[in-house]
Amino acid sequence: MYQKYKADFITTHPQFEGKIVKVRFLPIIDGYEESFIHFTCKNYENVEKREPDFKRCERLHWIRKVIENYLCKGNCSDTNCEGIKIWEEPWKMYKRVHFLFEEERYLVIIEKREKYNLLITAYYLEYNNALEKQLKHYEQYKTF
């Protein structure tokens, strides 16, 4: 799993709107970049004692695919696919782009920076109210 993460985000990088998407490297936790731990674990109160989140782990390889294929609009080989919902929301002095793969209840968020994009998070929306909240945000902010 770590090798796939390295291949997708360290050795090479996805791109969004012509800029690479980077991940956070620091702090290093047990020899792994903070972003790898964040994308595969839960227990947010104590970064040092996070537990593996199997739903995050099994979807780790989706992150790059969602970012790079958000424009599919249901034109992919899966006839049931409705595409990726995408919108921007302001966050402090930046804009964050949300990619919602509604069918799979999966959310990826990147932050637009001047020279690159920063991958903030990616996770499975386990609860219906969490999915509904994201759909409301989509309706409010949809820009693409």
N, C-alpha and C. Protein backbone atom coordinates (compact mmCIF):
# COMPACT_ATOMS: atom_id res chain seq x y z
N MET A 1 0.83 -1.18 0.00
CA MET A 1 0.00 0.00 0.00
C MET A 1 0.88 1.25 0.00
N TYR A 2 1.93 1.25 0.81
CA TYR A 2 2.81 2.41 0.86
C TYR A 2 3.51 2.62 -0.48
N GLN A 3 3.85 1.53 -1.16
CA GLN A 3 4.51 1.65 -2.46
C GLN A 3 3.58 2.33 -3.47
N LYS A 4 2.29 2.03 -3.43
CA LYS A 4 1.32 2.68 -4.32
C LYS A 4 1.23 4.17 -3.99
N TYR A 5 1.18 4.50 -2.71
CA TYR A 5 1.17 5.90 -2.28
C TYR A 5 2.40 6.63 -2.82
N LYS A 6 3.58 6.03 -2.65
CA LYS A 6 4.82 6.65 -3.13
C LYS A 6 4.78 6.84 -4.65
N ALA A 7 4.30 5.84 -5.36
CA ALA A 7 4.23 5.94 -6.82
C ALA A 7 3.27 7.04 -7.26
N ASP A 8 2.16 7.20 -6.55
CA ASP A 8 1.15 8.19 -6.93
C ASP A 8 1.47 9.61 -6.49
N PHE A 9 2.23 9.78 -5.38
CA PHE A 9 2.38 11.12 -4.82
C PHE A 9 3.81 11.56 -4.52
N ILE A 10 4.76 10.66 -4.51
CA ILE A 10 6.14 11.04 -4.21
C ILE A 10 6.99 10.97 -5.49
N THR A 11 7.00 9.80 -6.13
CA THR A 11 7.78 9.61 -7.35
C THR A 11 7.20 10.42 -8.50
N THR A 12 5.89 10.40 -8.63
CA THR A 12 5.18 11.19 -9.64
C THR A 12 4.06 11.94 -8.92
N HIS A 13 3.39 12.83 -9.63
CA HIS A 13 2.32 13.62 -9.02
C HIS A 13 1.14 13.71 -9.97
N PRO A 14 -0.08 13.62 -9.43
CA PRO A 14 -1.22 13.94 -10.28
C PRO A 14 -1.21 15.44 -10.58
N GLN A 15 -2.00 15.84 -11.55
CA GLN A 15 -2.12 17.26 -11.87
C GLN A 15 -3.57 17.67 -11.85
N PHE A 16 -3.80 18.92 -11.48
CA PHE A 16 -5.13 19.51 -11.53
C PHE A 16 -4.96 20.92 -12.08
N GLU A 17 -5.67 21.21 -13.15
CA GLU A 17 -5.61 22.52 -13.81
C GLU A 17 -4.17 22.93 -14.12
N GLY A 18 -3.37 21.98 -14.59
CA GLY A 18 -2.01 22.28 -15.03
C GLY A 18 -0.98 22.43 -13.93
N LYS A 19 -1.37 22.22 -12.68
CA LYS A 19 -0.43 22.30 -11.56
C LYS A 19 -0.36 20.95 -10.86
N ILE A 20 0.84 20.60 -10.39
CA ILE A 20 0.97 19.32 -9.70
C ILE A 20 0.24 19.37 -8.35
N VAL A 21 -0.13 18.19 -7.91
CA VAL A 21 -0.77 18.03 -6.60
C VAL A 21 0.27 17.40 -5.68
N LYS A 22 0.64 18.15 -4.64
CA LYS A 22 1.63 17.69 -3.67
C LYS A 22 0.94 17.20 -2.40
N VAL A 23 1.70 16.48 -1.58
CA VAL A 23 1.20 16.01 -0.29
C VAL A 23 2.09 16.57 0.82
N ARG A 24 1.58 16.53 2.04
CA ARG A 24 2.38 16.95 3.19
C ARG A 24 3.36 15.84 3.57
N PHE A 25 4.60 16.23 3.79
CA PHE A 25 5.62 15.25 4.17
C PHE A 25 5.84 15.21 5.68
N LEU A 26 5.71 16.34 6.33
CA LEU A 26 6.06 16.44 7.74
C LEU A 26 4.83 16.57 8.62
N PRO A 27 4.86 16.05 9.80
CA PRO A 27 5.97 15.33 10.41
C PRO A 27 6.07 13.91 9.87
N ILE A 28 7.23 13.32 10.04
CA ILE A 28 7.42 11.91 9.73
C ILE A 28 6.99 11.12 10.97
N ILE A 29 6.09 10.16 10.77
CA ILE A 29 5.56 9.36 11.88
C ILE A 29 5.89 7.90 11.61
N ASP A 30 6.71 7.32 12.46
CA ASP A 30 7.13 5.92 12.30
C ASP A 30 7.69 5.65 10.91
N GLY A 31 8.40 6.63 10.36
CA GLY A 31 9.03 6.47 9.06
C GLY A 31 8.14 6.78 7.86
N TYR A 32 6.91 7.21 8.11
CA TYR A 32 5.97 7.52 7.03
C TYR A 32 5.60 9.00 7.04
N GLU A 33 5.36 9.54 5.85
CA GLU A 33 4.93 10.92 5.73
C GLU A 33 3.57 11.11 6.42
N GLU A 34 3.36 12.30 6.95
CA GLU A 34 2.10 12.61 7.64
C GLU A 34 0.91 12.33 6.74
N SER A 35 1.01 12.68 5.47
CA SER A 35 -0.12 12.50 4.57
C SER A 35 -0.48 11.02 4.40
N PHE A 36 0.51 10.14 4.33
CA PHE A 36 0.21 8.72 4.22
C PHE A 36 -0.56 8.24 5.45
N ILE A 37 -0.13 8.66 6.62
CA ILE A 37 -0.83 8.29 7.85
C ILE A 37 -2.25 8.86 7.83
N HIS A 38 -2.38 10.12 7.43
CA HIS A 38 -3.70 10.76 7.38
C HIS A 38 -4.64 10.04 6.42
N PHE A 39 -4.14 9.64 5.25
CA PHE A 39 -4.98 9.01 4.24
C PHE A 39 -5.35 7.58 4.56
N THR A 40 -4.71 6.97 5.55
CA THR A 40 -4.96 5.55 5.84
C THR A 40 -5.43 5.28 7.27
N CYS A 41 -5.50 6.30 8.10
CA CYS A 41 -5.81 6.07 9.52
C CYS A 41 -6.93 6.96 10.03
N LYS A 42 -7.42 6.61 11.22
CA LYS A 42 -8.40 7.43 11.93
C LYS A 42 -7.84 7.77 13.29
N ASN A 43 -8.64 8.35 14.15
CA ASN A 43 -8.24 8.83 15.48
C ASN A 43 -7.50 10.15 15.32
N TYR A 44 -8.27 11.18 15.07
CA TYR A 44 -7.71 12.49 14.76
C TYR A 44 -7.29 13.28 15.99
N GLU A 45 -7.72 12.88 17.16
CA GLU A 45 -7.37 13.62 18.36
C GLU A 45 -5.89 13.46 18.70
N ASN A 46 -5.33 12.30 18.42
CA ASN A 46 -3.95 12.04 18.77
C ASN A 46 -3.22 11.49 17.55
N VAL A 47 -2.49 12.35 16.87
CA VAL A 47 -1.80 11.98 15.64
C VAL A 47 -0.86 10.80 15.85
N GLU A 48 -0.26 10.73 17.01
CA GLU A 48 0.72 9.68 17.29
C GLU A 48 0.08 8.30 17.49
N LYS A 49 -1.24 8.26 17.76
CA LYS A 49 -1.89 6.98 18.07
C LYS A 49 -3.05 6.69 17.12
N ARG A 50 -2.89 7.02 15.87
CA ARG A 50 -3.95 6.75 14.91
C ARG A 50 -4.06 5.26 14.65
N GLU A 51 -5.29 4.84 14.36
CA GLU A 51 -5.58 3.44 14.06
C GLU A 51 -5.85 3.30 12.56
N PRO A 52 -5.47 2.17 11.96
CA PRO A 52 -5.78 1.98 10.54
C PRO A 52 -7.29 2.06 10.29
N ASP A 53 -7.66 2.71 9.21
CA ASP A 53 -9.05 2.80 8.78
C ASP A 53 -9.12 2.02 7.46
N PHE A 54 -9.73 0.85 7.51
CA PHE A 54 -9.71 -0.04 6.35
C PHE A 54 -10.44 0.54 5.15
N LYS A 55 -11.48 1.35 5.38
CA LYS A 55 -12.16 1.98 4.25
C LYS A 55 -11.24 2.99 3.56
N ARG A 56 -10.45 3.70 4.33
CA ARG A 56 -9.47 4.62 3.74
C ARG A 56 -8.37 3.85 3.02
N CYS A 57 -7.89 2.80 3.65
CA CYS A 57 -6.80 2.01 3.07
C CYS A 57 -7.19 1.41 1.73
N GLU A 58 -8.37 0.80 1.66
CA GLU A 58 -8.75 0.14 0.42
C GLU A 58 -9.06 1.14 -0.69
N ARG A 59 -9.21 2.40 -0.38
CA ARG A 59 -9.48 3.43 -1.38
C ARG A 59 -8.29 4.35 -1.65
N LEU A 60 -7.17 4.08 -1.05
CA LEU A 60 -5.99 4.93 -1.22
C LEU A 60 -5.65 5.13 -2.69
N HIS A 61 -5.75 4.08 -3.47
CA HIS A 61 -5.41 4.17 -4.89
C HIS A 61 -6.46 4.94 -5.71
N TRP A 62 -7.59 5.29 -5.11
CA TRP A 62 -8.61 6.06 -5.81
C TRP A 62 -8.27 7.54 -5.90
N ILE A 63 -7.49 8.04 -4.95
CA ILE A 63 -7.27 9.49 -4.85
C ILE A 63 -6.79 10.07 -6.17
N ARG A 64 -5.70 9.53 -6.67
CA ARG A 64 -5.15 10.06 -7.93
C ARG A 64 -6.14 9.92 -9.07
N LYS A 65 -6.83 8.78 -9.13
CA LYS A 65 -7.80 8.55 -10.21
C LYS A 65 -8.94 9.56 -10.17
N VAL A 66 -9.41 9.88 -8.98
CA VAL A 66 -10.48 10.87 -8.85
C VAL A 66 -10.00 12.24 -9.34
N ILE A 67 -8.82 12.66 -8.91
CA ILE A 67 -8.29 13.97 -9.30
C ILE A 67 -8.08 14.03 -10.81
N GLU A 68 -7.52 12.99 -11.38
CA GLU A 68 -7.18 13.02 -12.81
C GLU A 68 -8.36 12.75 -13.73
N ASN A 69 -9.43 12.17 -13.22
CA ASN A 69 -10.56 11.80 -14.07
C ASN A 69 -11.86 12.50 -13.71
N TYR A 70 -11.78 13.62 -13.01
CA TYR A 70 -13.00 14.28 -12.56
C TYR A 70 -13.86 14.78 -13.71
N LEU A 71 -13.29 14.96 -14.88
CA LEU A 71 -14.05 15.46 -16.02
C LEU A 71 -14.81 14.37 -16.77
N CYS A 72 -14.77 13.13 -16.30
CA CYS A 72 -15.39 12.04 -17.06
C CYS A 72 -16.89 12.27 -17.26
N LYS A 73 -17.56 12.92 -16.34
CA LYS A 73 -18.99 13.22 -16.43
C LYS A 73 -19.83 12.01 -16.84
N GLY A 74 -19.44 10.85 -16.36
CA GLY A 74 -20.22 9.65 -16.65
C GLY A 74 -19.88 9.02 -17.99
N ASN A 75 -18.84 9.49 -18.65
CA ASN A 75 -18.45 8.94 -19.96
C ASN A 75 -17.43 7.82 -19.84
N CYS A 76 -17.25 7.29 -18.67
CA CYS A 76 -16.26 6.23 -18.48
C CYS A 76 -16.86 4.89 -18.92
N SER A 77 -16.11 3.84 -18.79
CA SER A 77 -16.56 2.52 -19.25
C SER A 77 -17.69 1.95 -18.39
N ASP A 78 -17.87 2.46 -17.18
CA ASP A 78 -18.94 1.99 -16.30
C ASP A 78 -20.23 2.74 -16.66
N THR A 79 -21.19 2.04 -17.22
CA THR A 79 -22.42 2.69 -17.69
C THR A 79 -23.26 3.24 -16.55
N ASN A 80 -23.01 2.81 -15.31
CA ASN A 80 -23.77 3.31 -14.17
C ASN A 80 -23.12 4.53 -13.52
N CYS A 81 -21.93 4.89 -13.96
CA CYS A 81 -21.20 6.01 -13.35
C CYS A 81 -21.87 7.34 -13.67
N GLU A 82 -22.05 8.15 -12.66
CA GLU A 82 -22.63 9.48 -12.85
C GLU A 82 -21.57 10.57 -12.81
N GLY A 83 -20.32 10.19 -12.77
CA GLY A 83 -19.24 11.17 -12.78
C GLY A 83 -18.91 11.69 -11.39
N ILE A 84 -18.00 12.62 -11.37
CA ILE A 84 -17.51 13.23 -10.13
C ILE A 84 -18.13 14.61 -9.99
N LYS A 85 -18.70 14.90 -8.84
CA LYS A 85 -19.18 16.25 -8.56
C LYS A 85 -18.00 17.06 -8.04
N ILE A 86 -17.84 18.28 -8.52
CA ILE A 86 -16.69 19.08 -8.13
C ILE A 86 -17.14 20.51 -7.85
N TRP A 87 -16.57 21.09 -6.79
CA TRP A 87 -16.87 22.48 -6.45
C TRP A 87 -15.74 23.07 -5.63
N GLU A 88 -15.70 24.40 -5.60
CA GLU A 88 -14.70 25.14 -4.82
C GLU A 88 -15.37 25.80 -3.63
N GLU A 89 -14.68 25.79 -2.51
CA GLU A 89 -15.13 26.52 -1.33
C GLU A 89 -13.97 27.36 -0.82
N PRO A 90 -14.26 28.56 -0.33
CA PRO A 90 -13.18 29.36 0.27
C PRO A 90 -12.72 28.72 1.57
N TRP A 91 -11.43 28.80 1.83
CA TRP A 91 -10.86 28.31 3.08
C TRP A 91 -9.71 29.23 3.45
N LYS A 92 -9.93 30.05 4.47
CA LYS A 92 -8.95 31.04 4.89
C LYS A 92 -8.55 31.86 3.67
N MET A 93 -7.27 31.90 3.32
CA MET A 93 -6.87 32.72 2.16
C MET A 93 -6.77 31.91 0.87
N TYR A 94 -7.22 30.66 0.90
CA TYR A 94 -7.14 29.78 -0.26
C TYR A 94 -8.53 29.35 -0.72
N LYS A 95 -8.54 28.59 -1.80
CA LYS A 95 -9.76 27.92 -2.25
C LYS A 95 -9.49 26.43 -2.21
N ARG A 96 -10.47 25.70 -1.71
CA ARG A 96 -10.37 24.25 -1.67
C ARG A 96 -11.33 23.66 -2.69
N VAL A 97 -10.81 22.72 -3.45
CA VAL A 97 -11.60 22.04 -4.47
C VAL A 97 -12.02 20.68 -3.90
N HIS A 98 -13.32 20.43 -3.95
CA HIS A 98 -13.89 19.19 -3.44
C HIS A 98 -14.30 18.32 -4.63
N PHE A 99 -13.90 17.06 -4.60
CA PHE A 99 -14.27 16.08 -5.61
C PHE A 99 -15.11 15.03 -4.90
N LEU A 100 -16.37 14.93 -5.26
CA LEU A 100 -17.25 13.96 -4.62
C LEU A 100 -17.65 12.87 -5.61
N PHE A 101 -17.23 11.66 -5.33
CA PHE A 101 -17.64 10.50 -6.09
C PHE A 101 -18.84 9.94 -5.33
N GLU A 102 -20.00 10.50 -5.63
CA GLU A 102 -21.21 10.24 -4.84
C GLU A 102 -21.57 8.76 -4.78
N GLU A 103 -21.51 8.07 -5.90
CA GLU A 103 -21.89 6.65 -5.93
C GLU A 103 -21.09 5.83 -4.93
N GLU A 104 -19.84 6.19 -4.75
CA GLU A 104 -18.96 5.44 -3.85
C GLU A 104 -18.79 6.13 -2.50
N ARG A 105 -19.48 7.28 -2.33
CA ARG A 105 -19.45 8.02 -1.07
C ARG A 105 -18.01 8.42 -0.70
N TYR A 106 -17.27 8.88 -1.69
CA TYR A 106 -15.85 9.17 -1.50
C TYR A 106 -15.57 10.62 -1.82
N LEU A 107 -14.84 11.28 -0.92
CA LEU A 107 -14.54 12.71 -1.05
C LEU A 107 -13.04 12.92 -1.05
N VAL A 108 -12.57 13.73 -2.00
CA VAL A 108 -11.16 14.14 -2.07
C VAL A 108 -11.15 15.66 -2.05
N ILE A 109 -10.25 16.25 -1.26
CA ILE A 109 -10.16 17.72 -1.18
C ILE A 109 -8.72 18.14 -1.42
N ILE A 110 -8.55 19.09 -2.34
CA ILE A 110 -7.24 19.70 -2.57
C ILE A 110 -7.36 21.20 -2.34
N GLU A 111 -6.23 21.81 -2.05
CA GLU A 111 -6.20 23.26 -1.82
C GLU A 111 -5.35 23.89 -2.91
N LYS A 112 -5.90 24.92 -3.55
CA LYS A 112 -5.17 25.62 -4.60
C LYS A 112 -4.13 26.54 -3.97
N ARG A 113 -2.90 26.38 -4.39
CA ARG A 113 -1.81 27.25 -3.98
C ARG A 113 -1.31 27.98 -5.22
N GLU A 114 -0.43 28.94 -5.03
CA GLU A 114 0.03 29.75 -6.16
C GLU A 114 0.71 28.91 -7.24
N LYS A 115 1.62 28.01 -6.84
CA LYS A 115 2.41 27.27 -7.82
C LYS A 115 2.08 25.78 -7.88
N TYR A 116 1.23 25.31 -7.00
CA TYR A 116 0.89 23.89 -6.95
C TYR A 116 -0.44 23.74 -6.22
N ASN A 117 -0.94 22.53 -6.16
CA ASN A 117 -2.12 22.20 -5.36
C ASN A 117 -1.67 21.28 -4.23
N LEU A 118 -2.32 21.39 -3.09
CA LEU A 118 -1.97 20.57 -1.93
C LEU A 118 -3.13 19.62 -1.63
N LEU A 119 -2.83 18.34 -1.58
CA LEU A 119 -3.85 17.35 -1.24
C LEU A 119 -4.12 17.44 0.26
N ILE A 120 -5.34 17.78 0.62
CA ILE A 120 -5.71 17.98 2.02
C ILE A 120 -6.20 16.69 2.67
N THR A 121 -7.16 16.04 2.03
CA THR A 121 -7.72 14.83 2.62
C THR A 121 -8.46 14.02 1.57
N ALA A 122 -8.78 12.80 1.91
CA ALA A 122 -9.60 11.92 1.09
C ALA A 122 -10.18 10.86 2.02
N TYR A 123 -11.49 10.67 1.96
CA TYR A 123 -12.08 9.69 2.87
C TYR A 123 -13.46 9.24 2.40
N TYR A 124 -13.86 8.10 2.93
CA TYR A 124 -15.17 7.51 2.70
C TYR A 124 -16.18 8.20 3.61
N LEU A 125 -17.32 8.58 3.05
CA LEU A 125 -18.39 9.22 3.82
C LEU A 125 -19.30 8.12 4.38
N GLU A 126 -19.00 7.71 5.58
CA GLU A 126 -19.66 6.55 6.17
C GLU A 126 -21.13 6.81 6.50
N TYR A 127 -21.44 7.99 6.96
CA TYR A 127 -22.80 8.28 7.43
C TYR A 127 -23.59 9.07 6.39
N ASN A 128 -24.89 8.77 6.31
CA ASN A 128 -25.76 9.45 5.35
C ASN A 128 -25.75 10.96 5.53
N ASN A 129 -25.75 11.41 6.78
CA ASN A 129 -25.77 12.86 7.00
C ASN A 129 -24.49 13.53 6.50
N ALA A 130 -23.36 12.82 6.53
CA ALA A 130 -22.11 13.37 6.00
C ALA A 130 -22.19 13.51 4.48
N LEU A 131 -22.76 12.52 3.82
CA LEU A 131 -22.94 12.59 2.37
C LEU A 131 -23.91 13.71 2.02
N GLU A 132 -25.02 13.78 2.74
CA GLU A 132 -26.02 14.83 2.48
C GLU A 132 -25.42 16.22 2.67
N LYS A 133 -24.59 16.38 3.67
CA LYS A 133 -23.93 17.67 3.92
C LYS A 133 -23.05 18.06 2.72
N GLN A 134 -22.31 17.10 2.19
CA GLN A 134 -21.46 17.39 1.03
C GLN A 134 -22.31 17.72 -0.20
N LEU A 135 -23.42 17.04 -0.38
CA LEU A 135 -24.30 17.33 -1.51
C LEU A 135 -24.90 18.74 -1.39
N LYS A 136 -25.20 19.17 -0.18
CA LYS A 136 -25.68 20.55 0.03
C LYS A 136 -24.59 21.55 -0.32
N HIS A 137 -23.36 21.26 0.07
CA HIS A 137 -22.24 22.14 -0.28
C HIS A 137 -22.08 22.20 -1.80
N TYR A 138 -22.22 21.06 -2.45
CA TYR A 138 -22.11 21.02 -3.91
C TYR A 138 -23.16 21.93 -4.53
N GLU A 139 -24.40 21.83 -4.09
CA GLU A 139 -25.47 22.67 -4.65
C GLU A 139 -25.20 24.15 -4.39
N GLN A 140 -24.62 24.46 -3.26
CA GLN A 140 -24.34 25.85 -2.90
C GLN A 140 -23.17 26.43 -3.69
N TYR A 141 -22.14 25.64 -3.90
CA TYR A 141 -20.89 26.17 -4.44
C TYR A 141 -20.53 25.68 -5.84
N LYS A 142 -21.32 24.81 -6.45
CA LYS A 142 -20.88 24.19 -7.70
C LYS A 142 -20.44 25.25 -8.71
N THR A 143 -19.27 25.01 -9.28
CA THR A 143 -18.67 25.97 -10.20
C THR A 143 -18.21 25.33 -11.50
N PHE A 144 -18.16 24.02 -11.54
CA PHE A 144 -17.64 23.34 -12.74
C PHE A 144 -18.77 22.77 -13.56
